[in-house]
Amino acid sequence: MLAASLQYTALLITEAWLWPSIPENKENVFDIEGSSDLYQIHTGLQHSIIRATQPNCLPLENVTLPQKLKQAGYSTHMVGKWHLGFYKRDCLPTQRGFDTFFGSLLGSGDYYSHYKCEGPGMCGYDLYEGEEAAWEQDRGLYSTVMFTQKAINILANHDPRRQPLFLYLAYQAVHSPLQVPARYLERYKGIPNMHRRKYAAMVSCLDESIHNLTLALKRYGYYDNTVIVYSSDNGGQPLAGGSNWPLREVKPPTGKGGSGQWVSFIVHCW
């Protein structure tokens, strides 16, 4: 696996404590203040995920990592799922420090149609380019493949010799719903549990995408002067194919299994 091979040229951290749901961990990625001295209880993001109908987002007064990097002269880009609130324009990624954004504003949805349903009759399209729906760019591609292509396109159209670049790539995989192209599923016929089989296939697709992205970093002259942080965001959900054995509990409780205490970080530094 490509993710495993990165450890031979990187620092592998095999024990790390994370929060048991996505928004809390994303806050710690972006929120400069939150990552240093504020727990989520001080930002209102400690309760659970931010749902589509919920008027909440990462507090606007909190300075984010991409905002700081822009001040330092970086070009900043985000691809993938945001999931830090979008109930007003000021909450959107392009208002929180990113020059460009392509992806979803919620935490999950159909990998092909990019629709998300919160309940009967409460469905909406969730694929955006900047601050507008990305209807014209939607070709029904599997999101893992689509996000990788977009990230590689950003690398190809930027000159790292003239300006440093910050790229945040937040894949939808391997979150439910369990969907994956058939060619990856064929590899795991020996796994009898269909949820686990699909999950394994989704991981293989993700791994291949990281491989393609790494090749692009080398092809376009980034790799030898780049810090790559590769991480999960929380523990697994066995009902959706995940496994936290031998740790107890699952996402979202705060036991070691739910919080992903053994989630690995791979940090590649030139």
Protein backbone atom coordinates (compact mmCIF):
# COMPACT_ATOMS: atom_id res chain seq x y z
CA MET A 1 0.00 0.00 0.00
CA LEU A 2 1.24 3.49 -0.82
CA ALA A 3 0.32 4.88 2.62
CA ALA A 4 2.43 2.16 4.21
CA SER A 5 5.34 2.81 1.85
CA LEU A 6 5.43 6.49 2.84
CA GLN A 7 6.59 5.48 6.31
CA TYR A 8 9.99 4.48 4.91
CA THR A 9 10.72 8.14 4.13
CA ALA A 10 8.58 9.66 6.86
CA LEU A 11 7.82 9.83 10.56
CA LEU A 12 5.17 7.26 11.54
CA ILE A 13 3.15 8.12 14.67
CA THR A 14 1.27 5.01 15.77
CA GLU A 15 -0.59 6.44 18.76
CA ALA A 16 -2.55 9.68 18.52
CA TRP A 17 -5.61 10.96 20.35
CA LEU A 18 -8.38 12.41 18.21
CA TRP A 19 -11.95 13.48 18.81
CA PRO A 20 -14.66 10.93 17.96
CA SER A 21 -16.44 12.88 15.20
CA ILE A 22 -15.41 14.88 12.16
CA PRO A 23 -16.07 18.57 12.96
CA GLU A 24 -14.06 18.53 16.19
CA ASN A 25 -11.02 17.14 14.38
CA LYS A 26 -11.36 19.47 11.42
CA GLU A 27 -11.46 22.38 13.84
CA ASN A 28 -8.11 21.30 15.24
CA VAL A 29 -6.68 21.25 11.72
CA PHE A 30 -7.81 24.77 10.82
CA ASP A 31 -8.31 26.68 14.04
CA ILE A 32 -5.00 28.18 15.14
CA GLU A 33 -6.42 29.16 18.52
CA GLY A 34 -8.30 25.89 19.00
CA SER A 35 -5.24 23.77 18.31
CA SER A 36 -3.23 25.57 20.97
CA ASP A 37 -5.44 26.44 23.91
CA LEU A 38 -9.17 25.94 23.24
CA TYR A 39 -11.13 22.71 23.55
CA GLN A 40 -14.24 22.29 21.40
CA ILE A 41 -16.49 23.12 24.33
CA HIS A 42 -15.32 26.73 23.92
CA THR A 43 -16.23 26.88 20.22
CA GLY A 44 -19.61 25.12 20.31
CA LEU A 45 -18.45 22.15 18.24
CA GLN A 46 -18.27 19.57 21.02
CA HIS A 47 -21.83 18.24 20.69
CA SER A 48 -21.66 16.13 17.52
CA ILE A 49 -21.58 16.73 13.77
CA ILE A 50 -22.92 19.91 12.15
CA ARG A 51 -26.09 18.93 10.30
CA ALA A 52 -27.46 20.48 7.12
CA THR A 53 -30.25 22.37 8.90
CA GLN A 54 -28.14 23.56 11.82
CA PRO A 55 -27.18 27.26 12.00
CA ASN A 56 -23.65 26.70 13.26
CA CYS A 57 -20.08 26.87 12.01
CA LEU A 58 -16.50 27.31 13.15
CA PRO A 59 -16.61 30.63 15.08
CA LEU A 60 -15.82 33.49 12.73
CA GLU A 61 -13.53 35.23 15.21
CA ASN A 62 -11.18 32.24 15.27
CA VAL A 63 -8.16 32.59 12.99
CA THR A 64 -7.60 29.60 10.70
CA LEU A 65 -4.44 27.94 9.39
CA PRO A 66 -5.06 28.90 5.72
CA GLN A 67 -5.65 32.52 6.78
CA LYS A 68 -2.25 32.58 8.46
CA LEU A 69 -0.59 30.90 5.48
CA LYS A 70 -2.13 33.44 3.08
CA GLN A 71 -0.57 36.18 5.18
CA ALA A 72 2.74 34.38 4.78
CA GLY A 73 2.39 34.42 0.98
CA TYR A 74 0.97 30.94 0.34
CA SER A 75 -1.54 30.00 -2.31
CA THR A 76 -4.24 28.07 -0.41
CA HIS A 77 -6.58 25.44 -1.82
CA MET A 78 -9.09 22.97 -0.46
CA VAL A 79 -10.54 19.87 -2.12
CA GLY A 80 -13.03 17.52 -0.46
CA LYS A 81 -15.45 17.77 2.42
CA TRP A 82 -15.65 20.90 4.55
CA HIS A 83 -18.13 19.98 7.30
CA LEU A 84 -17.46 23.05 9.45
CA GLY A 85 -20.76 24.79 8.78
CA PHE A 86 -22.24 26.76 5.90
CA TYR A 87 -25.41 28.44 7.19
CA LYS A 88 -24.13 31.84 6.04
CA ARG A 89 -21.58 32.99 3.48
CA ASP A 90 -18.98 33.99 6.05
CA CYS A 91 -18.73 30.33 7.14
CA LEU A 92 -17.69 29.02 3.72
CA PRO A 93 -14.15 27.79 2.99
CA THR A 94 -13.38 30.67 0.62
CA GLN A 95 -14.23 33.09 3.44
CA ARG A 96 -12.03 31.23 5.94
CA GLY A 97 -8.70 31.49 4.16
CA PHE A 98 -8.88 29.31 1.04
CA ASP A 99 -8.30 30.83 -2.39
CA THR A 100 -10.26 27.99 -3.99
CA PHE A 101 -12.62 25.26 -2.85
CA PHE A 102 -14.03 22.24 -4.64
CA GLY A 103 -16.01 19.65 -2.74
CA SER A 104 -18.90 19.08 -0.35
CA LEU A 105 -20.04 21.22 2.56
CA LEU A 106 -21.53 18.33 4.55
CA GLY A 107 -19.85 15.26 6.02
CA SER A 108 -21.28 12.51 3.83
CA GLY A 109 -23.46 11.81 0.81
CA ASP A 110 -23.76 9.71 -2.32
CA TYR A 111 -20.32 9.15 -3.86
CA TYR A 112 -21.67 9.38 -7.43
CA SER A 113 -24.71 11.69 -7.46
CA HIS A 114 -23.34 13.94 -4.68
CA TYR A 115 -26.78 14.25 -3.09
CA LYS A 116 -27.30 14.12 0.67
CA CYS A 117 -30.60 13.34 2.43
CA GLU A 118 -31.24 14.42 6.02
CA GLY A 119 -34.67 12.76 6.08
CA PRO A 120 -37.77 12.10 3.93
CA GLY A 121 -38.12 14.93 1.43
CA MET A 122 -35.00 16.66 2.79
CA CYS A 123 -32.40 16.02 0.09
CA GLY A 124 -29.99 18.43 -1.53
CA TYR A 125 -27.10 18.63 -3.97
CA ASP A 126 -23.74 18.90 -2.22
CA LEU A 127 -20.91 19.55 -4.68
CA TYR A 128 -19.50 23.05 -4.91
CA GLU A 129 -16.90 25.02 -6.82
CA GLY A 130 -16.08 28.05 -4.71
CA GLU A 131 -19.42 29.27 -3.42
CA GLU A 132 -21.64 27.94 -6.20
CA ALA A 133 -23.06 24.51 -7.02
CA ALA A 134 -20.69 22.65 -9.37
CA TRP A 135 -23.34 21.39 -11.79
CA GLU A 136 -21.15 21.96 -14.86
CA GLN A 137 -18.20 20.02 -13.43
CA ASP A 138 -20.25 17.08 -12.20
CA ARG A 139 -19.79 14.03 -14.43
CA GLY A 140 -21.07 11.49 -11.91
CA LEU A 141 -17.53 10.49 -10.99
CA TYR A 142 -16.81 8.53 -7.84
CA SER A 143 -15.80 11.24 -5.37
CA THR A 144 -12.43 9.72 -4.39
CA VAL A 145 -11.36 9.74 -8.05
CA MET A 146 -12.89 13.17 -8.71
CA PHE A 147 -11.20 14.83 -5.74
CA THR A 148 -7.85 13.34 -6.71
CA GLN A 149 -8.15 14.64 -10.26
CA LYS A 150 -8.99 18.11 -8.95
CA ALA A 151 -6.04 18.12 -6.56
CA ILE A 152 -3.65 17.02 -9.29
CA ASN A 153 -5.00 19.75 -11.56
CA ILE A 154 -4.22 22.34 -8.88
CA LEU A 155 -0.65 21.05 -8.65
CA ALA A 156 -0.24 21.08 -12.41
CA ASN A 157 -1.38 24.69 -12.72
CA HIS A 158 0.76 26.17 -9.96
CA ASP A 159 4.47 26.99 -10.03
CA PRO A 160 6.02 26.04 -6.66
CA ARG A 161 9.19 27.96 -7.54
CA ARG A 162 7.29 31.25 -7.54
CA GLN A 163 4.91 30.76 -4.61
CA PRO A 164 4.49 28.19 -1.82
CA LEU A 165 1.28 26.18 -1.84
CA PHE A 166 -0.99 24.78 0.88
CA LEU A 167 -3.36 22.05 -0.33
CA TYR A 168 -5.88 20.51 2.05
CA LEU A 169 -7.39 17.34 0.56
CA ALA A 170 -10.22 15.87 2.67
CA TYR A 171 -11.54 12.70 1.07
CA GLN A 172 -15.10 11.52 1.61
CA ALA A 173 -13.77 7.94 1.85
CA VAL A 174 -14.04 5.81 3.75
CA HIS A 175 -17.20 7.23 5.28
CA SER A 176 -20.61 5.66 4.70
CA PRO A 177 -22.49 5.10 2.45
CA LEU A 178 -20.41 2.10 1.38
CA GLN A 179 -19.98 2.66 -2.36
CA VAL A 180 -17.05 1.74 -4.57
CA PRO A 181 -16.29 1.01 -8.25
CA ALA A 182 -16.67 -2.70 -9.08
CA ARG A 183 -13.03 -3.16 -10.12
CA TYR A 184 -11.89 -2.61 -6.54
CA LEU A 185 -14.58 -4.85 -5.06
CA GLU A 186 -13.40 -7.79 -7.18
CA ARG A 187 -10.16 -7.95 -5.19
CA TYR A 188 -11.92 -8.87 -1.96
CA LYS A 189 -14.18 -11.79 -2.88
CA GLY A 190 -12.74 -13.73 0.03
CA ILE A 191 -14.26 -11.40 2.64
CA PRO A 192 -17.72 -12.85 3.45
CA ASN A 193 -19.11 -9.77 5.22
CA MET A 194 -20.30 -7.45 2.44
CA HIS A 195 -19.91 -4.30 4.52
CA ARG A 196 -16.32 -5.21 5.34
CA ARG A 197 -15.65 -6.19 1.72
CA LYS A 198 -16.86 -2.83 0.42
CA TYR A 199 -14.91 -1.01 3.11
CA ALA A 200 -11.69 -2.79 2.09
CA ALA A 201 -12.32 -1.93 -1.56
CA MET A 202 -12.90 1.73 -0.68
CA VAL A 203 -9.57 1.80 1.16
CA SER A 204 -7.82 0.36 -1.90
CA CYS A 205 -9.30 3.08 -4.11
CA LEU A 206 -8.19 5.70 -1.60
CA ASP A 207 -4.69 4.22 -1.45
CA GLU A 208 -4.41 4.29 -5.23
CA SER A 209 -5.48 7.93 -5.20
CA ILE A 210 -2.77 8.84 -2.68
CA HIS A 211 -0.28 7.04 -4.95
CA ASN A 212 -1.40 9.11 -7.95
CA LEU A 213 -1.21 12.31 -5.92
CA THR A 214 2.31 11.47 -4.74
CA LEU A 215 3.40 10.86 -8.32
CA ALA A 216 1.98 14.27 -9.25
CA LEU A 217 3.93 15.93 -6.42
CA LYS A 218 7.09 14.45 -7.91
CA ARG A 219 6.15 15.19 -11.53
CA TYR A 220 5.45 18.89 -10.93
CA GLY A 221 8.40 19.60 -8.66
CA TYR A 222 6.82 19.71 -5.19
CA TYR A 223 7.86 16.47 -3.54
CA ASP A 224 11.40 17.33 -2.43
CA ASN A 225 10.25 20.49 -0.65
CA THR A 226 6.91 19.39 0.80
CA VAL A 227 5.51 18.41 4.17
CA ILE A 228 2.83 15.70 3.74
CA VAL A 229 0.55 14.89 6.67
CA TYR A 230 -1.57 11.78 6.09
CA SER A 231 -4.15 10.96 8.75
CA SER A 232 -7.57 9.57 9.54
CA ASP A 233 -9.99 11.65 11.60
CA ASN A 234 -11.58 9.26 14.12
CA GLY A 235 -12.22 5.61 14.98
CA GLY A 236 -14.22 3.22 12.81
CA GLN A 237 -17.88 2.28 12.78
CA PRO A 238 -18.28 -1.54 12.60
CA LEU A 239 -21.85 -1.23 11.28
CA ALA A 240 -20.31 0.42 8.23
CA GLY A 241 -17.41 -1.99 7.76
CA GLY A 242 -14.92 -0.47 10.20
CA SER A 243 -12.99 -2.22 12.96
CA ASN A 244 -11.29 -0.84 16.07
CA TRP A 245 -10.13 -4.14 17.55
CA PRO A 246 -8.57 -4.52 20.09
CA LEU A 247 -9.81 -1.12 21.34
CA ARG A 248 -13.26 -0.79 22.88
CA GLU A 249 -16.19 1.31 21.63
CA VAL A 250 -16.82 2.79 18.20
CA LYS A 251 -17.39 6.14 16.59
CA PRO A 252 -18.80 8.41 18.04
CA PRO A 253 -18.28 7.64 21.80
CA THR A 254 -15.06 8.83 23.41
CA GLY A 255 -13.56 5.40 24.20
CA LYS A 256 -10.23 4.55 22.63
CA GLY A 257 -11.92 2.89 19.66
CA GLY A 258 -14.28 5.79 18.93
CA SER A 259 -11.69 8.50 19.33
CA GLY A 260 -9.13 6.65 17.26
CA GLN A 261 -6.32 6.70 19.83
CA TRP A 262 -4.36 4.36 17.60
CA VAL A 263 -4.98 6.32 14.41
CA SER A 264 -1.69 6.56 12.55
CA PHE A 265 -0.18 9.80 11.34
CA ILE A 266 2.36 9.68 8.55
CA VAL A 267 4.42 12.87 8.30
CA HIS A 268 6.76 13.16 5.32
CA CYS A 269 9.27 15.98 5.50
CA TRP A 270 11.92 16.81 2.98
